[in-house]
C-alpha atoms as a PDB file:
ATOM      1  CA  MET A   1      61.472 -59.850 112.383  1.00  0.00           C
ATOM      2  CA  PRO A   2      64.217 -57.286 114.738  1.00  0.00           C
ATOM      3  CA  ILE A   3      64.894 -57.919 118.184  1.00  0.00           C
ATOM      4  CA  ARG A   4      63.696 -55.274 120.344  1.00  0.00           C
ATOM      5  CA  SER A   5      65.223 -54.785 123.733  1.00  0.00           C
ATOM      6  CA  SER A   6      64.382 -52.092 126.350  1.00  0.00           C
ATOM      7  CA  ILE A   7      67.272 -50.163 127.756  1.00  0.00           C
ATOM      8  CA  ARG A   8      66.316 -48.914 131.314  1.00  0.00           C
ATOM      9  CA  VAL A   9      68.074 -45.134 132.195  1.00  0.00           C
ATOM     10  CA  SER A  10      68.744 -44.050 135.384  1.00  0.00           C
ATOM     11  CA  TRP A  11      69.355 -40.675 135.709  1.00  0.00           C
ATOM     12  CA  ILE A  12      71.585 -39.544 137.969  1.00  0.00           C
ATOM     13  CA  ARG A  13      71.840 -36.040 138.418  1.00  0.00           C
ATOM     14  CA  TYR A  14      75.508 -34.993 137.555  1.00  0.00           C
ATOM     15  CA  ILE A  15      76.979 -31.823 140.219  1.00  0.00           C
ATOM     16  CA  LYS A  16      80.605 -29.932 139.481  1.00  0.00           C
ATOM     17  CA  LEU A  17      81.339 -29.660 143.275  1.00  0.00           C
ATOM     18  CA  LEU A  18      84.088 -27.894 144.959  1.00  0.00           C
ATOM     19  CA  ILE A  19      85.515 -29.009 148.759  1.00  0.00           C
ATOM     20  CA  ASP A  20      86.277 -25.639 150.366  1.00  0.00           C
ATOM     21  CA  GLU A  21      89.954 -25.643 152.274  1.00  0.00           C
ATOM     22  CA  ASN A  22      88.633 -25.617 155.542  1.00  0.00           C
ATOM     23  CA  LEU A  23      87.379 -28.908 155.032  1.00  0.00           C
ATOM     24  CA  PRO A  24      89.202 -32.542 154.775  1.00  0.00           C
ATOM     25  CA  LYS A  25      90.178 -33.106 151.030  1.00  0.00           C
ATOM     26  CA  ARG A  26      88.860 -37.093 152.066  1.00  0.00           C
ATOM     27  CA  LEU A  27      85.433 -35.808 151.524  1.00  0.00           C
ATOM     28  CA  ASN A  28      85.801 -36.337 148.098  1.00  0.00           C
ATOM     29  CA  VAL A  29      85.744 -39.559 147.939  1.00  0.00           C
ATOM     30  CA  ASP A  30      82.155 -39.665 149.133  1.00  0.00           C
ATOM     31  CA  PHE A  31      80.742 -38.324 146.573  1.00  0.00           C
ATOM     32  CA  PRO A  32      81.890 -40.569 143.376  1.00  0.00           C
ATOM     33  CA  GLU A  33      79.036 -40.078 141.236  1.00  0.00           C
ATOM     34  CA  HIS A  34      79.971 -36.337 140.944  1.00  0.00           C
ATOM     35  CA  GLU A  35      83.118 -34.230 139.672  1.00  0.00           C
ATOM     36  CA  ILE A  36      84.511 -33.482 142.891  1.00  0.00           C
ATOM     37  CA  PHE A  37      87.851 -31.007 143.477  1.00  0.00           C
ATOM     38  CA  THR A  38      89.079 -29.118 146.356  1.00  0.00           C
ATOM     39  CA  VAL A  39      90.496 -25.763 146.740  1.00  0.00           C
ATOM     40  CA  SER A  40      94.229 -27.003 146.992  1.00  0.00           C
ATOM     41  CA  ASP A  41      93.885 -29.350 143.568  1.00  0.00           C
ATOM     42  CA  LYS A  42      92.691 -25.974 141.751  1.00  0.00           C
ATOM     43  CA  LYS A  43      95.211 -23.985 143.655  1.00  0.00           C
ATOM     44  CA  TRP A  44      93.019 -21.930 144.499  1.00  0.00           C
ATOM     45  CA  ASN A  45      94.351 -21.376 148.354  1.00  0.00           C
ATOM     46  CA  SER A  46      93.840 -18.279 150.202  1.00  0.00           C
ATOM     47  CA  LYS A  47      91.653 -16.568 147.709  1.00  0.00           C
ATOM     48  CA  LYS A  48      88.674 -14.365 149.083  1.00  0.00           C
ATOM     49  CA  ASN A  49      85.068 -15.606 149.359  1.00  0.00           C
ATOM     50  CA  GLY A  50      84.246 -13.108 146.273  1.00  0.00           C
ATOM     51  CA  GLU A  51      86.933 -14.248 144.309  1.00  0.00           C
ATOM     52  CA  LEU A  52      86.483 -17.975 144.563  1.00  0.00           C
ATOM     53  CA  LEU A  53      83.076 -17.603 144.122  1.00  0.00           C
ATOM     54  CA  GLU A  54      83.704 -15.822 140.585  1.00  0.00           C
ATOM     55  CA  LEU A  55      86.784 -18.721 139.848  1.00  0.00           C
ATOM     56  CA  MET A  56      83.706 -21.346 140.308  1.00  0.00           C
ATOM     57  CA  ILE A  57      81.138 -19.103 138.384  1.00  0.00           C
ATOM     58  CA  ASP A  58      84.006 -19.136 135.505  1.00  0.00           C
ATOM     59  CA  GLU A  59      85.062 -22.786 135.895  1.00  0.00           C
ATOM     60  CA  GLY A  60      81.230 -23.728 135.532  1.00  0.00           C
ATOM     61  CA  PHE A  61      81.078 -25.396 139.281  1.00  0.00           C
ATOM     62  CA  ASP A  62      77.858 -26.049 140.553  1.00  0.00           C
ATOM     63  CA  VAL A  63      78.499 -26.419 144.373  1.00  0.00           C
ATOM     64  CA  LEU A  64      80.667 -25.049 147.293  1.00  0.00           C
ATOM     65  CA  LEU A  65      80.588 -27.376 150.056  1.00  0.00           C
ATOM     66  CA  THR A  66      82.249 -24.911 153.276  1.00  0.00           C
ATOM     67  CA  PHE A  67      82.665 -24.903 157.082  1.00  0.00           C
ATOM     68  CA  ASP A  68      82.443 -21.072 156.806  1.00  0.00           C
ATOM     69  CA  LYS A  69      79.383 -19.902 158.774  1.00  0.00           C
ATOM     70  CA  ASN A  70      79.862 -16.509 158.171  1.00  0.00           C
ATOM     71  CA  LEU A  71      80.079 -17.018 154.087  1.00  0.00           C
ATOM     72  CA  GLN A  72      76.057 -17.100 153.832  1.00  0.00           C
ATOM     73  CA  TYR A  73      76.026 -12.705 155.402  1.00  0.00           C
ATOM     74  CA  GLN A  74      79.341 -11.805 153.757  1.00  0.00           C
ATOM     75  CA  GLN A  75      78.233 -12.227 149.946  1.00  0.00           C
ATOM     76  CA  ASN A  76      75.692 -11.387 147.515  1.00  0.00           C
ATOM     77  CA  PHE A  77      74.297 -14.329 146.087  1.00  0.00           C
ATOM     78  CA  LYS A  78      72.197 -12.146 143.893  1.00  0.00           C
ATOM     79  CA  LYS A  79      75.798 -11.667 142.223  1.00  0.00           C
ATOM     80  CA  TYR A  80      76.877 -15.319 142.395  1.00  0.00           C
ATOM     81  CA  PRO A  81      74.463 -17.965 141.002  1.00  0.00           C
ATOM     82  CA  ILE A  82      76.295 -20.718 142.947  1.00  0.00           C
ATOM     83  CA  SER A  83      74.775 -23.366 145.562  1.00  0.00           C
ATOM     84  CA  VAL A  84      76.758 -23.042 148.887  1.00  0.00           C
ATOM     85  CA  LEU A  85      76.373 -26.019 151.355  1.00  0.00           C
ATOM     86  CA  ILE A  86      77.663 -24.745 154.805  1.00  0.00           C
ATOM     87  CA  LEU A  87      78.221 -27.585 157.067  1.00  0.00           C
ATOM     88  CA  ASN A  88      77.038 -27.728 160.669  1.00  0.00           C
ATOM     89  CA  ALA A  89      78.721 -29.760 163.121  1.00  0.00           C
ATOM     90  CA  GLU A  90      80.976 -29.774 166.505  1.00  0.00           C
ATOM     91  CA  ASP A  91      84.144 -29.683 164.311  1.00  0.00           C
ATOM     92  CA  ASN A  92      85.590 -30.132 160.561  1.00  0.00           C
ATOM     93  CA  THR A  93      87.225 -33.439 161.066  1.00  0.00           C
ATOM     94  CA  TYR A  94      86.322 -36.066 158.772  1.00  0.00           C
ATOM     95  CA  ARG A  95      84.818 -38.267 161.387  1.00  0.00           C
ATOM     96  CA  THR A  96      82.583 -35.616 162.494  1.00  0.00           C
ATOM     97  CA  LEU A  97      81.503 -34.370 158.859  1.00  0.00           C
ATOM     98  CA  LYS A  98      81.367 -38.252 157.807  1.00  0.00           C
ATOM     99  CA  GLN A  99      77.883 -38.360 159.537  1.00  0.00           C
ATOM    100  CA  LEU A 100      76.662 -35.761 157.223  1.00  0.00           C
ATOM    101  CA  VAL A 101      77.328 -37.175 153.904  1.00  0.00           C
ATOM    102  CA  PRO A 102      74.005 -38.606 153.951  1.00  0.00           C
ATOM    103  CA  ILE A 103      72.212 -35.804 154.323  1.00  0.00           C
ATOM    104  CA  ILE A 104      74.771 -33.749 151.685  1.00  0.00           C
ATOM    105  CA  GLN A 105      74.087 -36.370 149.382  1.00  0.00           C
ATOM    106  CA  LYS A 106      70.019 -35.864 149.468  1.00  0.00           C
ATOM    107  CA  PHE A 107      70.396 -32.114 148.860  1.00  0.00           C
ATOM    108  CA  LEU A 108      72.653 -32.572 146.239  1.00  0.00           C
ATOM    109  CA  ALA A 109      70.205 -35.202 144.584  1.00  0.00           C
ATOM    110  CA  SER A 110      67.677 -32.369 144.913  1.00  0.00           C
ATOM    111  CA  ASP A 111      66.611 -28.869 143.142  1.00  0.00           C
ATOM    112  CA  LEU A 112      69.567 -26.863 145.239  1.00  0.00           C
ATOM    113  CA  ASN A 113      68.925 -23.544 145.911  1.00  0.00           C
ATOM    114  CA  VAL A 114      71.461 -20.576 144.491  1.00  0.00           C
ATOM    115  CA  GLY A 115      73.100 -19.144 147.640  1.00  0.00           C
ATOM    116  CA  PRO A 116      73.634 -20.423 151.474  1.00  0.00           C
ATOM    117  CA  THR A 117      71.894 -23.322 152.482  1.00  0.00           C
ATOM    118  CA  VAL A 118      73.293 -24.993 156.080  1.00  0.00           C
ATOM    119  CA  VAL A 119      73.966 -28.672 156.373  1.00  0.00           C
ATOM    120  CA  SER A 120      73.446 -29.767 160.023  1.00  0.00           C
ATOM    121  CA  ALA A 121      72.376 -33.282 161.330  1.00  0.00           C
ATOM    122  CA  ARG A 122      70.887 -31.084 163.863  1.00  0.00           C
ATOM    123  CA  VAL A 123      66.809 -31.177 163.412  1.00  0.00           C
END
C-alpha cells in the first residue's frame, strides 16, 4: 500500500519591488520574501519619474517604494499600471522609515491598487 503524505503549501505573494533613490538602500533587507532592487542597482539614477515608471513596466516591476510625495500629482497612472507606495514620515532616514516596514509589508501582502498609495504611521 503506497504511503500518502500531505504537504502544506504556504503561498507568499511574490513582488518585484524597486526602491527609489530618495530612500536608504538598506530598506532592501526588510523585504526578504520579495525581489528587491534599488534605482542604483538598476543604474537608473536621475531618471525622470515617467521614464522610471516606463523602465519598471518594461522590466516587470510591480511596486515602486518612494519618498517623492509629488509623484502622485505628476503622473497619469492610467498610463503606468504600477503600484507606488509613497512613504510619509518626518524624514527619509532608515531609522525613521524602519517604523513603516510592518505597514509596508501589510500593503505588499494585500491586493495593491494601481497608482499611488500613501503609507504613514499616522492614523
